[in-house]
Amino acid sequence: MLQNNESVLDALKTEESRRAFLAKFASAVFAGLITPALTGDVVPAQAAPSEQKNLTDEFDVDQLPEAVEGEHPIRRMMADLRRALQKPMDQRRWGMVIDLRKCTGCNGCNVACITENKLPPGVTYRPVMIETYGTYPNVARRFIPRPCMQCDNPPCVPVCPVHATWKRSDGITVIDYDKCIGCRYCITACPYAARSFDSGYFYGDFEGGERQPYELLPSPEYGENRNRAEGGSPIGNVRKCHLCIHRIERGELPACTLSCMGRATYFGDLNDPKSLVSELIGQPNVMRLREEMGTQPKVFYLV
């Protein structure tokens, strides 16, 4: 019994010593943090902006230098974009390059696209496909983001009976929701499965039955700020990626390009030999999906 009491006393002394050490350590850390403020050695931090700054205010084409090795790709693509917008529409040719070696499959681009365009359930413009290759046990996975290919020879256009979809002079294929009758011929014609049908569902329909405020916000697609309501377009229409036209035309990069954490997505004017995308498609490891179909897609992949 006496031995047990002595063990308890020893344990209490050890605990008191540990607490004393922690108290001294905390005091030393606090002193290290507060002393610079008392002596005036602290460099004041910049205050966070009250609102998000427009990217177009960040860069001025006239002031940007020529591209240099190691330059941040976002900065360079912004310069490419602003330079392209100074040309007439028919002299631009928008395209995208996706580096599959950098894609981590995080789906950040898909989430950014859904958020930007206020997409409902069942509608997606940029899914990330997963490819598994090799033979067990030597297998690996590759992630393949698949936006609309913006084909130079789009098979979805001639099948539309009401001419609701067409290719603009800058190469982007678009849809007029007010003309689309929802026949879905274009969905069948697209070899990339890049078109979705808006069946009119809301996320709230599956989560308690109450539609959330974010679902009722207008979509900025095509610069129309269209409210999605029952009985009206785009419900009952076919929808697809349009490379964020509403962002491009105000001097901003597509949402998927900006949100890519691995910097695997590049966007720009393929008609500009100085653009980053023009430089990348000249690499020997470039490929396009289903080129044998003659669609001439303007989305390129680096492998």
C-alpha atoms as a PDB file:
ATOM      1  CA  MET A   1       0.000   0.000   0.000  1.00  0.00           C
ATOM      2  CA  LEU A   2       2.865   2.378   0.899  1.00  0.00           C
ATOM      3  CA  GLN A   3       4.555   1.649  -2.409  1.00  0.00           C
ATOM      4  CA  ASN A   4       1.376   2.501  -4.278  1.00  0.00           C
ATOM      5  CA  ASN A   5       1.101   5.876  -2.490  1.00  0.00           C
ATOM      6  CA  GLU A   6       4.713   6.682  -3.354  1.00  0.00           C
ATOM      7  CA  SER A   7       4.011   5.873  -7.035  1.00  0.00           C
ATOM      8  CA  VAL A   8       1.040   8.203  -7.037  1.00  0.00           C
ATOM      9  CA  LEU A   9       3.101  11.016  -5.479  1.00  0.00           C
ATOM     10  CA  ASP A  10       5.843  10.539  -8.063  1.00  0.00           C
ATOM     11  CA  ALA A  11       3.279  10.709 -10.866  1.00  0.00           C
ATOM     12  CA  LEU A  12       1.803  13.925  -9.460  1.00  0.00           C
ATOM     13  CA  LYS A  13       5.254  15.509  -9.238  1.00  0.00           C
ATOM     14  CA  THR A  14       5.955  14.535 -12.853  1.00  0.00           C
ATOM     15  CA  GLU A  15       2.627  16.069 -13.982  1.00  0.00           C
ATOM     16  CA  GLU A  16       3.384  19.288 -12.099  1.00  0.00           C
ATOM     17  CA  SER A  17       6.827  19.486 -13.711  1.00  0.00           C
ATOM     18  CA  ARG A  18       5.281  18.960 -17.177  1.00  0.00           C
ATOM     19  CA  ARG A  19       2.715  21.693 -16.582  1.00  0.00           C
ATOM     20  CA  ALA A  20       5.408  24.082 -15.368  1.00  0.00           C
ATOM     21  CA  PHE A  21       7.444  23.413 -18.509  1.00  0.00           C
ATOM     22  CA  LEU A  22       4.454  24.010 -20.787  1.00  0.00           C
ATOM     23  CA  ALA A  23       3.628  27.231 -18.959  1.00  0.00           C
ATOM     24  CA  LYS A  24       7.186  28.529 -19.418  1.00  0.00           C
ATOM     25  CA  PHE A  25       7.194  27.457 -23.073  1.00  0.00           C
ATOM     26  CA  ALA A  26       3.906  29.222 -23.759  1.00  0.00           C
ATOM     27  CA  SER A  27       5.180  32.367 -22.066  1.00  0.00           C
ATOM     28  CA  ALA A  28       8.291  32.329 -24.224  1.00  0.00           C
ATOM     29  CA  VAL A  29       6.261  31.918 -27.430  1.00  0.00           C
ATOM     30  CA  PHE A  30       3.916  34.732 -26.432  1.00  0.00           C
ATOM     31  CA  ALA A  31       6.855  36.975 -25.642  1.00  0.00           C
ATOM     32  CA  GLY A  32       8.347  36.212 -29.044  1.00  0.00           C
ATOM     33  CA  LEU A  33       5.127  37.225 -30.751  1.00  0.00           C
ATOM     34  CA  ILE A  34       4.414  40.375 -28.784  1.00  0.00           C
ATOM     35  CA  THR A  35       7.931  41.823 -28.527  1.00  0.00           C
ATOM     36  CA  PRO A  36       8.207  42.915 -32.200  1.00  0.00           C
ATOM     37  CA  ALA A  37       4.911  44.777 -31.864  1.00  0.00           C
ATOM     38  CA  LEU A  38       6.153  46.602 -28.764  1.00  0.00           C
ATOM     39  CA  THR A  39       9.428  47.564 -30.392  1.00  0.00           C
ATOM     40  CA  GLY A  40       7.801  48.664 -33.657  1.00  0.00           C
ATOM     41  CA  ASP A  41       9.486  45.986 -35.802  1.00  0.00           C
ATOM     42  CA  VAL A  42       6.285  44.495 -37.181  1.00  0.00           C
ATOM     43  CA  VAL A  43       5.612  44.978 -40.897  1.00  0.00           C
ATOM     44  CA  PRO A  44       1.882  45.711 -41.269  1.00  0.00           C
ATOM     45  CA  ALA A  45      -0.011  43.184 -43.382  1.00  0.00           C
ATOM     46  CA  GLN A  46      -2.076  44.353 -46.335  1.00  0.00           C
ATOM     47  CA  ALA A  47      -5.786  44.421 -45.678  1.00  0.00           C
ATOM     48  CA  ALA A  48      -7.890  41.916 -47.583  1.00  0.00           C
ATOM     49  CA  PRO A  49      -9.895  43.500 -50.398  1.00  0.00           C
ATOM     50  CA  SER A  50     -13.543  44.061 -49.613  1.00  0.00           C
ATOM     51  CA  GLU A  51     -14.580  42.512 -52.901  1.00  0.00           C
ATOM     52  CA  GLN A  52     -13.027  40.333 -55.582  1.00  0.00           C
ATOM     53  CA  LYS A  53     -10.898  42.330 -57.969  1.00  0.00           C
ATOM     54  CA  ASN A  54     -11.704  42.082 -61.655  1.00  0.00           C
ATOM     55  CA  LEU A  55      -8.944  40.227 -63.455  1.00  0.00           C
ATOM     56  CA  THR A  56      -9.145  42.639 -66.358  1.00  0.00           C
ATOM     57  CA  ASP A  57      -7.977  45.405 -64.005  1.00  0.00           C
ATOM     58  CA  GLU A  58      -4.892  43.403 -63.117  1.00  0.00           C
ATOM     59  CA  PHE A  59      -3.232  43.363 -66.529  1.00  0.00           C
ATOM     60  CA  ASP A  60      -2.951  45.852 -69.365  1.00  0.00           C
ATOM     61  CA  VAL A  61      -1.886  44.474 -72.729  1.00  0.00           C
ATOM     62  CA  ASP A  62      -0.017  47.640 -73.618  1.00  0.00           C
ATOM     63  CA  GLN A  63       2.080  47.364 -70.463  1.00  0.00           C
ATOM     64  CA  LEU A  64       2.711  43.627 -70.486  1.00  0.00           C
ATOM     65  CA  PRO A  65       6.151  42.524 -71.704  1.00  0.00           C
ATOM     66  CA  GLU A  66       6.764  39.754 -74.196  1.00  0.00           C
ATOM     67  CA  ALA A  67       6.482  36.198 -72.925  1.00  0.00           C
ATOM     68  CA  VAL A  68       9.541  35.013 -71.045  1.00  0.00           C
ATOM     69  CA  GLU A  69      10.586  31.611 -69.815  1.00  0.00           C
ATOM     70  CA  GLY A  70       9.042  30.814 -66.451  1.00  0.00           C
ATOM     71  CA  GLU A  71       6.261  33.389 -66.772  1.00  0.00           C
ATOM     72  CA  HIS A  72       3.062  32.449 -64.936  1.00  0.00           C
ATOM     73  CA  PRO A  73       0.681  30.850 -67.464  1.00  0.00           C
ATOM     74  CA  ILE A  74      -2.353  32.782 -66.182  1.00  0.00           C
ATOM     75  CA  ARG A  75      -0.574  36.078 -66.746  1.00  0.00           C
ATOM     76  CA  ARG A  76       0.458  35.050 -70.219  1.00  0.00           C
ATOM     77  CA  MET A  77      -3.010  33.734 -71.157  1.00  0.00           C
ATOM     78  CA  MET A  78      -4.569  36.976 -69.946  1.00  0.00           C
ATOM     79  CA  ALA A  79      -2.260  38.908 -72.239  1.00  0.00           C
ATOM     80  CA  ASP A  80      -3.089  36.534 -75.115  1.00  0.00           C
ATOM     81  CA  LEU A  81      -6.814  37.009 -74.463  1.00  0.00           C
ATOM     82  CA  ARG A  82      -6.683  40.783 -74.340  1.00  0.00           C
ATOM     83  CA  ARG A  83      -4.615  40.852 -77.512  1.00  0.00           C
ATOM     84  CA  ALA A  84      -7.095  38.585 -79.309  1.00  0.00           C
ATOM     85  CA  LEU A  85     -10.064  40.729 -78.289  1.00  0.00           C
ATOM     86  CA  GLN A  86      -8.520  43.636 -80.138  1.00  0.00           C
ATOM     87  CA  LYS A  87      -9.050  41.751 -83.403  1.00  0.00           C
ATOM     88  CA  PRO A  88     -12.364  41.305 -85.262  1.00  0.00           C
ATOM     89  CA  MET A  89     -14.298  38.202 -84.221  1.00  0.00           C
ATOM     90  CA  ASP A  90     -13.733  36.353 -87.484  1.00  0.00           C
ATOM     91  CA  GLN A  91      -9.964  36.651 -87.034  1.00  0.00           C
ATOM     92  CA  ARG A  92      -9.980  34.820 -83.709  1.00  0.00           C
ATOM     93  CA  ARG A  93     -10.074  31.058 -83.287  1.00  0.00           C
ATOM     94  CA  TRP A  94     -10.539  30.061 -79.681  1.00  0.00           C
ATOM     95  CA  GLY A  95      -9.037  26.780 -78.551  1.00  0.00           C
ATOM     96  CA  MET A  96      -8.009  24.866 -75.456  1.00  0.00           C
ATOM     97  CA  VAL A  97      -5.076  22.661 -74.480  1.00  0.00           C
ATOM     98  CA  ILE A  98      -5.286  20.187 -71.583  1.00  0.00           C
ATOM     99  CA  ASP A  99      -2.112  18.624 -70.195  1.00  0.00           C
ATOM    100  CA  LEU A 100      -3.092  15.134 -69.040  1.00  0.00           C
ATOM    101  CA  ARG A 101       0.255  14.758 -67.281  1.00  0.00           C
ATOM    102  CA  LYS A 102      -0.744  17.524 -64.859  1.00  0.00           C
ATOM    103  CA  CYS A 103      -4.428  16.722 -64.346  1.00  0.00           C
ATOM    104  CA  THR A 104      -4.984  15.276 -60.864  1.00  0.00           C
ATOM    105  CA  GLY A 105      -8.652  14.385 -61.348  1.00  0.00           C
ATOM    106  CA  CYS A 106      -9.705  16.829 -58.616  1.00  0.00           C
ATOM    107  CA  ASN A 107     -12.817  17.878 -60.599  1.00  0.00           C
ATOM    108  CA  GLY A 108     -12.187  21.489 -59.642  1.00  0.00           C
ATOM    109  CA  CYS A 109     -12.812  22.552 -63.244  1.00  0.00           C
ATOM    110  CA  ASN A 110     -16.131  20.714 -63.290  1.00  0.00           C
ATOM    111  CA  VAL A 111     -17.258  22.277 -60.019  1.00  0.00           C
ATOM    112  CA  ALA A 112     -16.171  25.744 -61.190  1.00  0.00           C
ATOM    113  CA  CYS A 113     -18.121  25.287 -64.419  1.00  0.00           C
ATOM    114  CA  ILE A 114     -21.271  24.185 -62.600  1.00  0.00           C
ATOM    115  CA  THR A 115     -20.975  27.121 -60.207  1.00  0.00           C
ATOM    116  CA  GLU A 116     -20.249  29.686 -62.917  1.00  0.00           C
ATOM    117  CA  ASN A 117     -23.094  28.644 -65.217  1.00  0.00           C
ATOM    118  CA  LYS A 118     -25.578  27.668 -62.462  1.00  0.00           C
ATOM    119  CA  LEU A 119     -26.001  24.175 -63.914  1.00  0.00           C
ATOM    120  CA  PRO A 120     -28.794  21.927 -62.613  1.00  0.00           C
ATOM    121  CA  PRO A 121     -28.662  18.176 -61.866  1.00  0.00           C
ATOM    122  CA  GLY A 122     -27.977  16.064 -64.928  1.00  0.00           C
ATOM    123  CA  VAL A 123     -26.317  18.889 -66.855  1.00  0.00           C
ATOM    124  CA  THR A 124     -22.542  19.057 -67.004  1.00  0.00           C
ATOM    125  CA  TYR A 125     -20.271  20.840 -69.440  1.00  0.00           C
ATOM    126  CA  ARG A 126     -16.886  19.528 -68.337  1.00  0.00           C
ATOM    127  CA  PRO A 127     -16.940  16.050 -66.817  1.00  0.00           C
ATOM    128  CA  VAL A 128     -13.629  14.414 -65.947  1.00  0.00           C
ATOM    129  CA  MET A 129     -13.392  10.916 -67.390  1.00  0.00           C
ATOM    130  CA  ILE A 130     -11.187   8.269 -65.791  1.00  0.00           C
ATOM    131  CA  GLU A 131      -9.144   5.896 -67.908  1.00  0.00           C
ATOM    132  CA  THR A 132      -7.494   2.834 -66.387  1.00  0.00           C
ATOM    133  CA  TYR A 133      -4.757   1.272 -68.466  1.00  0.00           C
ATOM    134  CA  GLY A 134      -2.122  -1.423 -68.132  1.00  0.00           C
ATOM    135  CA  THR A 135      -2.223  -5.015 -66.967  1.00  0.00           C
ATOM    136  CA  TYR A 136      -2.464  -5.980 -63.310  1.00  0.00           C
ATOM    137  CA  PRO A 137      -0.431  -5.410 -61.210  1.00  0.00           C
ATOM    138  CA  ASN A 138       1.105  -2.737 -63.465  1.00  0.00           C
ATOM    139  CA  VAL A 139      -1.914  -0.495 -63.879  1.00  0.00           C
ATOM    140  CA  ALA A 140      -2.381   3.254 -63.751  1.00  0.00           C
ATOM    141  CA  ARG A 141      -5.108   5.845 -64.100  1.00  0.00           C
ATOM    142  CA  ARG A 142      -5.377   8.881 -66.298  1.00  0.00           C
ATOM    143  CA  PHE A 143      -7.888  11.703 -65.881  1.00  0.00           C
ATOM    144  CA  ILE A 144      -9.350  13.250 -69.029  1.00  0.00           C
ATOM    145  CA  PRO A 145     -11.410  16.452 -68.725  1.00  0.00           C
ATOM    146  CA  ARG A 146     -13.877  16.557 -71.607  1.00  0.00           C
ATOM    147  CA  PRO A 147     -15.402  19.921 -72.472  1.00  0.00           C
ATOM    148  CA  CYS A 148     -17.126  20.557 -75.788  1.00  0.00           C
ATOM    149  CA  MET A 149     -14.503  20.057 -78.488  1.00  0.00           C
ATOM    150  CA  GLN A 150     -15.657  23.199 -80.368  1.00  0.00           C
ATOM    151  CA  CYS A 151     -15.174  21.329 -83.627  1.00  0.00           C
ATOM    152  CA  ASP A 152     -14.319  23.163 -86.821  1.00  0.00           C
ATOM    153  CA  ASN A 153     -16.600  20.644 -88.530  1.00  0.00           C
ATOM    154  CA  PRO A 154     -19.276  20.098 -85.849  1.00  0.00           C
ATOM    155  CA  PRO A 155     -21.603  17.162 -86.638  1.00  0.00           C
ATOM    156  CA  CYS A 156     -24.172  18.530 -84.181  1.00  0.00           C
ATOM    157  CA  VAL A 157     -24.953  21.598 -86.307  1.00  0.00           C
ATOM    158  CA  PRO A 158     -26.407  20.210 -89.569  1.00  0.00           C
ATOM    159  CA  VAL A 159     -28.779  17.794 -87.803  1.00  0.00           C
ATOM    160  CA  CYS A 160     -30.692  20.530 -85.950  1.00  0.00           C
ATOM    161  CA  PRO A 161     -34.068  20.852 -87.698  1.00  0.00           C
ATOM    162  CA  VAL A 162     -34.665  24.419 -86.465  1.00  0.00           C
ATOM    163  CA  HIS A 163     -31.106  25.781 -86.793  1.00  0.00           C
ATOM    164  CA  ALA A 164     -30.900  26.426 -83.058  1.00  0.00           C
ATOM    165  CA  THR A 165     -27.196  25.564 -82.900  1.00  0.00           C
ATOM    166  CA  TRP A 166     -24.428  26.947 -85.062  1.00  0.00           C
ATOM    167  CA  LYS A 167     -20.728  27.763 -85.110  1.00  0.00           C
ATOM    168  CA  ARG A 168     -19.775  31.388 -84.579  1.00  0.00           C
ATOM    169  CA  SER A 169     -17.111  33.059 -86.680  1.00  0.00           C
ATOM    170  CA  ASP A 170     -14.640  32.719 -83.785  1.00  0.00           C
ATOM    171  CA  GLY A 171     -15.150  28.940 -83.762  1.00  0.00           C
ATOM    172  CA  ILE A 172     -17.395  28.516 -80.709  1.00  0.00           C
ATOM    173  CA  THR A 173     -20.511  26.391 -81.228  1.00  0.00           C
ATOM    174  CA  VAL A 174     -23.512  27.863 -79.425  1.00  0.00           C
ATOM    175  CA  ILE A 175     -27.206  27.130 -78.816  1.00  0.00           C
ATOM    176  CA  ASP A 176     -30.163  29.492 -79.016  1.00  0.00           C
ATOM    177  CA  TYR A 177     -32.392  28.341 -76.159  1.00  0.00           C
ATOM    178  CA  ASP A 178     -35.381  30.209 -77.566  1.00  0.00           C
ATOM    179  CA  LYS A 179     -35.175  28.247 -80.830  1.00  0.00           C
ATOM    180  CA  CYS A 180     -34.251  24.823 -79.439  1.00  0.00           C
ATOM    181  CA  ILE A 181     -37.216  22.429 -79.403  1.00  0.00           C
ATOM    182  CA  GLY A 182     -35.446  19.744 -77.361  1.00  0.00           C
ATOM    183  CA  CYS A 183     -35.493  17.062 -80.066  1.00  0.00           C
ATOM    184  CA  ARG A 184     -31.998  15.957 -78.974  1.00  0.00           C
ATOM    185  CA  TYR A 185     -30.800  15.079 -82.478  1.00  0.00           C
ATOM    186  CA  CYS A 186     -27.592  16.984 -81.714  1.00  0.00           C
ATOM    187  CA  ILE A 187     -26.967  14.851 -78.614  1.00  0.00           C
ATOM    188  CA  THR A 188     -27.059  11.742 -80.780  1.00  0.00           C
ATOM    189  CA  ALA A 189     -24.858  13.311 -83.456  1.00  0.00           C
ATOM    190  CA  CYS A 190     -22.098  14.445 -81.076  1.00  0.00           C
ATOM    191  CA  PRO A 191     -19.354  11.774 -80.966  1.00  0.00           C
ATOM    192  CA  TYR A 192     -17.994  13.194 -77.697  1.00  0.00           C
ATOM    193  CA  ALA A 193     -21.215  13.072 -75.627  1.00  0.00           C
ATOM    194  CA  ALA A 194     -20.601  16.750 -74.919  1.00  0.00           C
ATOM    195  CA  ARG A 195     -24.266  17.784 -74.844  1.00  0.00           C
ATOM    196  CA  SER A 196     -26.793  17.443 -72.014  1.00  0.00           C
ATOM    197  CA  PHE A 197     -30.551  17.785 -71.828  1.00  0.00           C
ATOM    198  CA  ASP A 198     -32.092  20.026 -69.179  1.00  0.00           C
ATOM    199  CA  SER A 199     -34.954  17.974 -67.747  1.00  0.00           C
ATOM    200  CA  GLY A 200     -36.041  20.679 -65.333  1.00  0.00           C
ATOM    201  CA  TYR A 201     -34.756  19.200 -62.084  1.00  0.00           C
ATOM    202  CA  PHE A 202     -33.395  21.216 -59.184  1.00  0.00           C
ATOM    203  CA  TYR A 203     -31.035  19.921 -56.510  1.00  0.00           C
ATOM    204  CA  GLY A 204     -33.632  20.792 -53.910  1.00  0.00           C
ATOM    205  CA  ASP A 205     -36.013  18.301 -55.524  1.00  0.00           C
ATOM    206  CA  PHE A 206     -33.798  15.525 -54.183  1.00  0.00           C
ATOM    207  CA  GLU A 207     -32.794  17.104 -50.876  1.00  0.00           C
ATOM    208  CA  GLY A 208     -35.925  17.758 -48.867  1.00  0.00           C
ATOM    209  CA  GLY A 209     -38.014  19.156 -51.668  1.00  0.00           C
ATOM    210  CA  GLU A 210     -37.135  22.825 -51.077  1.00  0.00           C
ATOM    211  CA  ARG A 211     -35.217  24.655 -53.758  1.00  0.00           C
ATOM    212  CA  GLN A 212     -32.236  26.532 -52.425  1.00  0.00           C
ATOM    213  CA  PRO A 213     -31.644  30.234 -53.145  1.00  0.00           C
ATOM    214  CA  TYR A 214     -28.492  29.510 -55.160  1.00  0.00           C
ATOM    215  CA  GLU A 215     -30.555  27.391 -57.570  1.00  0.00           C
ATOM    216  CA  LEU A 216     -32.779  30.341 -58.387  1.00  0.00           C
ATOM    217  CA  LEU A 217     -29.967  32.684 -59.372  1.00  0.00           C
ATOM    218  CA  PRO A 218     -29.892  33.718 -63.050  1.00  0.00           C
ATOM    219  CA  SER A 219     -27.302  32.074 -65.269  1.00  0.00           C
ATOM    220  CA  PRO A 220     -24.826  34.381 -67.027  1.00  0.00           C
ATOM    221  CA  GLU A 221     -24.654  32.082 -70.071  1.00  0.00           C
ATOM    222  CA  TYR A 222     -24.394  33.953 -73.369  1.00  0.00           C
ATOM    223  CA  GLY A 223     -24.621  37.184 -71.386  1.00  0.00           C
ATOM    224  CA  GLU A 224     -28.389  36.760 -70.987  1.00  0.00           C
ATOM    225  CA  ASN A 225     -28.708  36.369 -67.179  1.00  0.00           C
ATOM    226  CA  ARG A 226     -31.573  33.997 -67.836  1.00  0.00           C
ATOM    227  CA  ASN A 227     -33.686  32.758 -64.949  1.00  0.00           C
ATOM    228  CA  ARG A 228     -34.341  29.047 -65.038  1.00  0.00           C
ATOM    229  CA  ALA A 229     -38.036  28.562 -64.386  1.00  0.00           C
ATOM    230  CA  GLU A 230     -40.526  25.809 -65.071  1.00  0.00           C
ATOM    231  CA  GLY A 231     -42.080  26.000 -68.509  1.00  0.00           C
ATOM    232  CA  GLY A 232     -39.337  28.230 -69.910  1.00  0.00           C
ATOM    233  CA  SER A 233     -35.920  27.862 -71.504  1.00  0.00           C
ATOM    234  CA  PRO A 234     -33.366  26.468 -70.894  1.00  0.00           C
ATOM    235  CA  ILE A 235     -35.577  23.795 -69.313  1.00  0.00           C
ATOM    236  CA  GLY A 236     -36.456  21.382 -72.088  1.00  0.00           C
ATOM    237  CA  ASN A 237     -33.429  22.449 -74.133  1.00  0.00           C
ATOM    238  CA  VAL A 238     -30.063  20.915 -74.967  1.00  0.00           C
ATOM    239  CA  ARG A 239     -27.126  22.585 -73.248  1.00  0.00           C
ATOM    240  CA  LYS A 240     -23.367  22.484 -73.751  1.00  0.00           C
ATOM    241  CA  CYS A 241     -20.015  24.075 -72.983  1.00  0.00           C
ATOM    242  CA  HIS A 242     -19.464  27.409 -74.719  1.00  0.00           C
ATOM    243  CA  LEU A 243     -16.031  28.182 -73.265  1.00  0.00           C
ATOM    244  CA  CYS A 244     -17.647  30.785 -70.999  1.00  0.00           C
ATOM    245  CA  ILE A 245     -18.394  33.259 -73.788  1.00  0.00           C
ATOM    246  CA  HIS A 246     -19.767  35.709 -71.240  1.00  0.00           C
ATOM    247  CA  ARG A 247     -16.389  35.754 -69.502  1.00  0.00           C
ATOM    248  CA  ILE A 248     -14.257  35.804 -72.643  1.00  0.00           C
ATOM    249  CA  GLU A 249     -16.021  38.812 -74.099  1.00  0.00           C
ATOM    250  CA  ARG A 250     -15.355  40.874 -70.982  1.00  0.00           C
ATOM    251  CA  GLY A 251     -11.689  39.921 -70.943  1.00  0.00           C
ATOM    252  CA  GLU A 252     -11.712  37.003 -68.474  1.00  0.00           C
ATOM    253  CA  LEU A 253     -10.525  33.441 -68.889  1.00  0.00           C
ATOM    254  CA  PRO A 254     -13.005  30.530 -68.734  1.00  0.00           C
ATOM    255  CA  ALA A 255     -13.847  29.380 -65.217  1.00  0.00           C
ATOM    256  CA  CYS A 256     -12.315  25.934 -65.786  1.00  0.00           C
ATOM    257  CA  THR A 257      -8.999  27.453 -66.816  1.00  0.00           C
ATOM    258  CA  LEU A 258      -8.710  29.704 -63.780  1.00  0.00           C
ATOM    259  CA  SER A 259      -9.768  27.020 -61.293  1.00  0.00           C
ATOM    260  CA  CYS A 260      -7.305  24.320 -62.392  1.00  0.00           C
ATOM    261  CA  MET A 261      -5.061  23.666 -59.377  1.00  0.00           C
ATOM    262  CA  GLY A 262      -2.491  21.786 -61.446  1.00  0.00           C
ATOM    263  CA  ARG A 263      -2.379  24.399 -64.237  1.00  0.00           C
ATOM    264  CA  ALA A 264      -3.329  21.665 -66.682  1.00  0.00           C
ATOM    265  CA  THR A 265      -5.752  23.759 -68.771  1.00  0.00           C
ATOM    266  CA  TYR A 266      -4.728  26.457 -71.229  1.00  0.00           C
ATOM    267  CA  PHE A 267      -6.937  28.726 -73.320  1.00  0.00           C
ATOM    268  CA  GLY A 268      -6.300  31.206 -76.075  1.00  0.00           C
ATOM    269  CA  ASP A 269      -6.409  32.214 -79.712  1.00  0.00           C
ATOM    270  CA  LEU A 270      -5.141  29.492 -82.044  1.00  0.00           C
ATOM    271  CA  ASN A 271      -4.778  32.088 -84.803  1.00  0.00           C
ATOM    272  CA  ASP A 272      -2.190  33.968 -82.738  1.00  0.00           C
ATOM    273  CA  PRO A 273       1.247  32.412 -83.279  1.00  0.00           C
ATOM    274  CA  LYS A 274       2.498  34.152 -80.116  1.00  0.00           C
ATOM    275  CA  SER A 275      -0.196  32.686 -77.859  1.00  0.00           C
ATOM    276  CA  LEU A 276       0.572  29.991 -75.318  1.00  0.00           C
ATOM    277  CA  VAL A 277      -1.931  27.558 -76.849  1.00  0.00           C
ATOM    278  CA  SER A 278      -0.329  27.928 -80.284  1.00  0.00           C
ATOM    279  CA  GLU A 279       3.027  27.132 -78.746  1.00  0.00           C
ATOM    280  CA  LEU A 280       1.688  24.065 -76.932  1.00  0.00           C
ATOM    281  CA  ILE A 281      -0.091  22.480 -79.907  1.00  0.00           C
ATOM    282  CA  GLY A 282       3.236  22.464 -81.720  1.00  0.00           C
ATOM    283  CA  GLN A 283       4.593  19.919 -79.235  1.00  0.00           C
ATOM    284  CA  PRO A 284       5.209  16.363 -80.514  1.00  0.00           C
ATOM    285  CA  ASN A 285       3.106  14.811 -77.735  1.00  0.00           C
ATOM    286  CA  VAL A 286      -0.179  16.496 -78.692  1.00  0.00           C
ATOM    287  CA  MET A 287      -3.347  14.590 -79.609  1.00  0.00           C
ATOM    288  CA  ARG A 288      -7.071  15.153 -80.197  1.00  0.00           C
ATOM    289  CA  LEU A 289      -9.985  12.871 -79.433  1.00  0.00           C
ATOM    290  CA  ARG A 290     -11.505  10.891 -82.303  1.00  0.00           C
ATOM    291  CA  GLU A 291      -9.654  12.764 -85.015  1.00  0.00           C
ATOM    292  CA  GLU A 292     -10.510   9.982 -87.455  1.00  0.00           C
ATOM    293  CA  MET A 293     -14.104  11.262 -87.593  1.00  0.00           C
ATOM    294  CA  GLY A 294     -13.045  14.449 -89.355  1.00  0.00           C
ATOM    295  CA  THR A 295     -14.597  16.756 -86.754  1.00  0.00           C
ATOM    296  CA  GLN A 296     -11.382  18.791 -86.364  1.00  0.00           C
ATOM    297  CA  PRO A 297     -11.765  19.482 -82.630  1.00  0.00           C
ATOM    298  CA  LYS A 298     -10.121  22.578 -81.170  1.00  0.00           C
ATOM    299  CA  VAL A 299      -9.429  20.954 -77.789  1.00  0.00           C
ATOM    300  CA  PHE A 300      -5.958  19.442 -77.717  1.00  0.00           C
ATOM    301  CA  TYR A 301      -4.412  17.077 -75.165  1.00  0.00           C
ATOM    302  CA  LEU A 302      -0.781  16.756 -74.110  1.00  0.00           C
ATOM    303  CA  VAL A 303       0.112  13.172 -73.216  1.00  0.00           C
END
